[in-house]
Amino acid sequence: LAVWLAFWSLARSDVEIRRIHARVYREYRRMIEEMVTALTVDRGLKVDTGRAALGLIALLDGLWLEHCLDPQTFDATGAAAIAHRWVDALKAGLA
């Protein structure tokens, strides 16, 4: 957590770190969006895949951060269950 927070701080103040973060994050979002697109197209769902991907990324980031702040809140199995429920809702056209 401390390393990631330091990286985020540097990304705000260091041009090169900001550029690297933007490139890596853009690629990560693209990969998640491709997965969301494949999932929704296979089911014939009309979904704003960019926003759905962003929602999933926010969920994953939030789970990671919450676990770092208080590991007693849930374990990896619990986090996976939360993420799977979100994906199941997306597959059902509810997310």
C-alpha atoms as a PDB file:
ATOM      1  CA  LEU A   1       0.000   0.000   0.000  1.00  0.00           C
ATOM      2  CA  ALA A   2       2.766   2.447   0.933  1.00  0.00           C
ATOM      3  CA  VAL A   3       4.598   1.820  -2.341  1.00  0.00           C
ATOM      4  CA  TRP A   4       1.416   2.274  -4.369  1.00  0.00           C
ATOM      5  CA  LEU A   5       0.549   5.493  -2.562  1.00  0.00           C
ATOM      6  CA  ALA A   6       4.073   6.788  -3.183  1.00  0.00           C
ATOM      7  CA  PHE A   7       3.684   5.903  -6.860  1.00  0.00           C
ATOM      8  CA  TRP A   8       0.356   7.755  -7.038  1.00  0.00           C
ATOM      9  CA  SER A   9       1.977  10.780  -5.408  1.00  0.00           C
ATOM     10  CA  LEU A  10       4.822  10.702  -7.906  1.00  0.00           C
ATOM     11  CA  ALA A  11       2.367  10.337 -10.787  1.00  0.00           C
ATOM     12  CA  ARG A  12       0.889  13.688  -9.784  1.00  0.00           C
ATOM     13  CA  SER A  13       4.223  15.500  -9.617  1.00  0.00           C
ATOM     14  CA  ASP A  14       6.675  13.705 -11.927  1.00  0.00           C
ATOM     15  CA  VAL A  15       6.032  13.996 -15.681  1.00  0.00           C
ATOM     16  CA  GLU A  16       7.763  10.728 -16.585  1.00  0.00           C
ATOM     17  CA  ILE A  17       5.995   8.717 -13.878  1.00  0.00           C
ATOM     18  CA  ARG A  18       2.691  10.316 -14.940  1.00  0.00           C
ATOM     19  CA  ARG A  19       3.352   9.257 -18.537  1.00  0.00           C
ATOM     20  CA  ILE A  20       4.180   5.678 -17.502  1.00  0.00           C
ATOM     21  CA  HIS A  21       1.118   5.465 -15.258  1.00  0.00           C
ATOM     22  CA  ALA A  22      -1.126   6.805 -18.021  1.00  0.00           C
ATOM     23  CA  ARG A  23       0.201   4.235 -20.499  1.00  0.00           C
ATOM     24  CA  VAL A  24      -0.092   1.281 -18.115  1.00  0.00           C
ATOM     25  CA  TYR A  25      -3.528   2.303 -16.828  1.00  0.00           C
ATOM     26  CA  ARG A  26      -4.817   2.940 -20.373  1.00  0.00           C
ATOM     27  CA  GLU A  27      -3.719  -0.579 -21.393  1.00  0.00           C
ATOM     28  CA  TYR A  28      -5.295  -2.090 -18.265  1.00  0.00           C
ATOM     29  CA  ARG A  29      -8.598  -0.311 -18.969  1.00  0.00           C
ATOM     30  CA  ARG A  30      -8.475  -1.428 -22.603  1.00  0.00           C
ATOM     31  CA  MET A  31      -7.998  -5.075 -21.596  1.00  0.00           C
ATOM     32  CA  ILE A  32     -10.839  -4.953 -19.065  1.00  0.00           C
ATOM     33  CA  GLU A  33     -13.096  -3.223 -21.598  1.00  0.00           C
ATOM     34  CA  GLU A  34     -12.326  -5.905 -24.181  1.00  0.00           C
ATOM     35  CA  MET A  35     -13.309  -8.604 -21.682  1.00  0.00           C
ATOM     36  CA  VAL A  36     -16.510  -6.768 -20.772  1.00  0.00           C
ATOM     37  CA  THR A  37     -17.304  -6.293 -24.465  1.00  0.00           C
ATOM     38  CA  ALA A  38     -16.795  -9.979 -25.219  1.00  0.00           C
ATOM     39  CA  LEU A  39     -18.976 -10.946 -22.265  1.00  0.00           C
ATOM     40  CA  THR A  40     -21.827  -8.625 -23.175  1.00  0.00           C
ATOM     41  CA  VAL A  41     -21.732  -9.243 -26.942  1.00  0.00           C
ATOM     42  CA  ASP A  42     -21.937 -13.000 -26.332  1.00  0.00           C
ATOM     43  CA  ARG A  43     -25.143 -12.398 -24.385  1.00  0.00           C
ATOM     44  CA  GLY A  44     -26.607  -9.781 -26.708  1.00  0.00           C
ATOM     45  CA  LEU A  45     -26.552  -7.108 -24.005  1.00  0.00           C
ATOM     46  CA  LYS A  46     -26.477  -3.403 -24.798  1.00  0.00           C
ATOM     47  CA  VAL A  47     -23.998  -2.025 -22.293  1.00  0.00           C
ATOM     48  CA  ASP A  48     -21.745   1.005 -22.219  1.00  0.00           C
ATOM     49  CA  THR A  49     -18.661  -1.189 -22.018  1.00  0.00           C
ATOM     50  CA  GLY A  50     -16.358   1.711 -21.192  1.00  0.00           C
ATOM     51  CA  ARG A  51     -18.373   2.618 -18.122  1.00  0.00           C
ATOM     52  CA  ALA A  52     -18.878  -1.019 -17.157  1.00  0.00           C
ATOM     53  CA  ALA A  53     -15.119  -1.590 -17.360  1.00  0.00           C
ATOM     54  CA  LEU A  54     -14.506   1.510 -15.278  1.00  0.00           C
ATOM     55  CA  GLY A  55     -17.035   0.259 -12.715  1.00  0.00           C
ATOM     56  CA  LEU A  56     -15.306  -3.110 -12.476  1.00  0.00           C
ATOM     57  CA  ILE A  57     -11.896  -1.468 -12.128  1.00  0.00           C
ATOM     58  CA  ALA A  58     -13.253   0.793  -9.378  1.00  0.00           C
ATOM     59  CA  LEU A  59     -14.686  -2.238  -7.590  1.00  0.00           C
ATOM     60  CA  LEU A  60     -11.380  -4.114  -7.797  1.00  0.00           C
ATOM     61  CA  ASP A  61      -9.394  -1.064  -6.691  1.00  0.00           C
ATOM     62  CA  GLY A  62     -11.773  -0.516  -3.800  1.00  0.00           C
ATOM     63  CA  LEU A  63     -11.541  -4.130  -2.683  1.00  0.00           C
ATOM     64  CA  TRP A  64      -7.759  -4.009  -2.846  1.00  0.00           C
ATOM     65  CA  LEU A  65      -7.595  -0.745  -0.911  1.00  0.00           C
ATOM     66  CA  GLU A  66     -10.096  -1.891   1.717  1.00  0.00           C
ATOM     67  CA  HIS A  67      -8.162  -5.111   2.222  1.00  0.00           C
ATOM     68  CA  CYS A  68      -4.877  -3.186   2.576  1.00  0.00           C
ATOM     69  CA  LEU A  69      -6.419  -0.895   5.178  1.00  0.00           C
ATOM     70  CA  ASP A  70      -8.067  -3.709   7.160  1.00  0.00           C
ATOM     71  CA  PRO A  71      -7.197  -7.287   6.141  1.00  0.00           C
ATOM     72  CA  GLN A  72      -9.725  -8.575   8.683  1.00  0.00           C
ATOM     73  CA  THR A  73     -12.619  -7.176   6.606  1.00  0.00           C
ATOM     74  CA  PHE A  74     -12.505 -10.043   4.104  1.00  0.00           C
ATOM     75  CA  ASP A  75     -10.099 -12.568   2.632  1.00  0.00           C
ATOM     76  CA  ALA A  76      -9.255 -13.316  -1.001  1.00  0.00           C
ATOM     77  CA  THR A  77     -12.215 -15.689  -1.271  1.00  0.00           C
ATOM     78  CA  GLY A  78     -14.586 -13.008  -0.018  1.00  0.00           C
ATOM     79  CA  ALA A  79     -13.173 -10.429  -2.418  1.00  0.00           C
ATOM     80  CA  ALA A  80     -13.479 -12.873  -5.301  1.00  0.00           C
ATOM     81  CA  ALA A  81     -17.106 -13.581  -4.341  1.00  0.00           C
ATOM     82  CA  ILE A  82     -17.916  -9.861  -4.417  1.00  0.00           C
ATOM     83  CA  ALA A  83     -16.274  -9.433  -7.818  1.00  0.00           C
ATOM     84  CA  HIS A  84     -17.986 -12.546  -9.192  1.00  0.00           C
ATOM     85  CA  ARG A  85     -21.391 -11.256  -8.051  1.00  0.00           C
ATOM     86  CA  TRP A  86     -20.730  -7.998  -9.918  1.00  0.00           C
ATOM     87  CA  VAL A  87     -19.774  -9.900 -13.079  1.00  0.00           C
ATOM     88  CA  ASP A  88     -22.837 -12.148 -12.689  1.00  0.00           C
ATOM     89  CA  ALA A  89     -25.006  -9.023 -12.474  1.00  0.00           C
ATOM     90  CA  LEU A  90     -23.362  -7.680 -15.625  1.00  0.00           C
ATOM     91  CA  LYS A  91     -24.019 -10.978 -17.423  1.00  0.00           C
ATOM     92  CA  ALA A  92     -27.658 -10.752 -16.354  1.00  0.00           C
ATOM     93  CA  GLY A  93     -27.880  -7.211 -17.741  1.00  0.00           C
ATOM     94  CA  LEU A  94     -28.181  -5.652 -14.287  1.00  0.00           C
ATOM     95  CA  ALA A  95     -24.844  -3.862 -13.945  1.00  0.00           C
END
